[in-house]
Protein backbone atom coordinates (compact mmCIF):
# COMPACT_ATOMS: atom_id res chain seq x y z
CA MET A 1 45.03 8.43 -62.09
CA ALA A 2 46.28 8.32 -65.67
CA THR A 3 49.41 6.37 -66.35
CA ASP A 4 51.69 5.90 -69.32
CA ARG A 5 49.68 2.82 -70.17
CA SER A 6 46.55 4.90 -70.78
CA ALA A 7 48.05 6.28 -74.00
CA ASP A 8 48.93 2.76 -75.09
CA ARG A 9 45.36 1.61 -74.47
CA ALA A 10 43.93 4.53 -76.45
CA ARG A 11 46.37 3.88 -79.30
CA ALA A 12 45.52 0.16 -79.31
CA PHE A 13 41.81 0.96 -79.39
CA ALA A 14 42.30 3.38 -82.30
CA PHE A 15 44.32 0.86 -84.30
CA GLY A 16 41.78 -1.87 -83.56
CA ALA A 17 38.89 0.32 -84.72
CA ALA A 18 40.79 1.26 -87.88
CA ALA A 19 41.52 -2.39 -88.62
CA LEU A 20 37.89 -3.34 -88.05
CA PHE A 21 36.60 -0.71 -90.47
CA ASP A 22 39.27 -1.63 -93.01
CA ILE A 23 38.30 -5.30 -92.90
CA THR A 24 34.60 -4.46 -93.08
CA GLY A 25 35.16 -2.20 -96.09
CA THR A 26 37.18 -4.89 -97.83
CA ILE A 27 34.45 -7.49 -97.28
CA ILE A 28 31.73 -5.16 -98.59
CA TYR A 29 33.82 -4.23 -101.64
CA ARG A 30 34.49 -7.86 -102.49
CA ALA A 31 30.83 -8.76 -102.04
CA LEU A 32 29.62 -5.93 -104.29
CA ARG A 33 32.45 -5.95 -106.82
CA ARG A 34 30.54 -8.14 -109.24
CA GLN A 35 27.70 -5.61 -109.35
CA LEU A 36 29.93 -2.65 -110.23
CA PRO A 37 29.88 -1.47 -113.87
CA ALA A 38 32.86 -2.15 -116.12
CA ALA A 39 35.56 0.49 -116.16
CA GLY A 40 35.38 1.01 -119.91
CA GLN A 41 38.08 2.03 -122.35
CA PRO A 42 40.30 5.03 -121.69
CA PRO A 43 39.83 7.92 -124.13
CA PRO A 44 42.29 8.14 -127.03
CA GLU A 45 43.54 11.57 -125.91
CA ASP A 46 46.17 11.94 -123.25
CA PRO A 47 45.23 13.65 -119.97
CA PHE A 48 46.77 16.99 -121.00
CA GLN A 49 44.69 17.11 -124.18
CA LEU A 50 41.54 16.24 -122.23
CA ALA A 51 42.24 18.99 -119.69
CA THR A 52 42.89 21.51 -122.48
CA MET A 53 39.65 20.60 -124.26
CA THR A 54 37.71 20.92 -120.99
CA LEU A 55 39.19 24.35 -120.29
CA GLU A 56 38.47 25.57 -123.82
CA ALA A 57 34.87 24.37 -123.61
CA ALA A 58 34.41 26.02 -120.21
CA HIS A 59 35.90 29.28 -121.51
CA ALA A 60 33.57 29.30 -124.51
CA GLU A 61 30.60 28.62 -122.24
CA ALA A 62 31.62 31.41 -119.84
CA VAL A 63 32.06 33.92 -122.65
CA MET A 64 28.56 33.17 -123.94
CA HIS A 65 26.97 33.77 -120.50
CA VAL A 66 28.83 36.90 -119.45
CA PRO A 67 26.51 39.91 -119.17
CA LYS A 68 27.55 42.77 -121.43
CA PRO A 69 26.54 45.95 -119.57
CA ASN A 70 28.01 48.47 -122.03
CA GLY A 71 28.14 46.29 -125.07
CA VAL A 72 31.67 45.31 -124.17
CA GLY A 73 32.41 41.63 -124.53
CA VAL A 74 35.02 39.48 -122.87
CA SER A 75 37.97 38.59 -125.01
CA ALA A 76 40.93 36.63 -123.81
């Protein structure tokens, strides 16, 4: 017969499993951290400029690859 304590046991098991995986992940990260590549320098542009440049490049690429069934191109 299930009691109120059954929920507590399940919750304790879940928290214990989460803590175990968290500790394991931390140990693996610390062990392999020296082998990770350096982060590098951030680009000189701000994030908005980088996003704008990426969108413009993707738009130009899409326009070049659009099929033109009636000789009509895409202009936006």
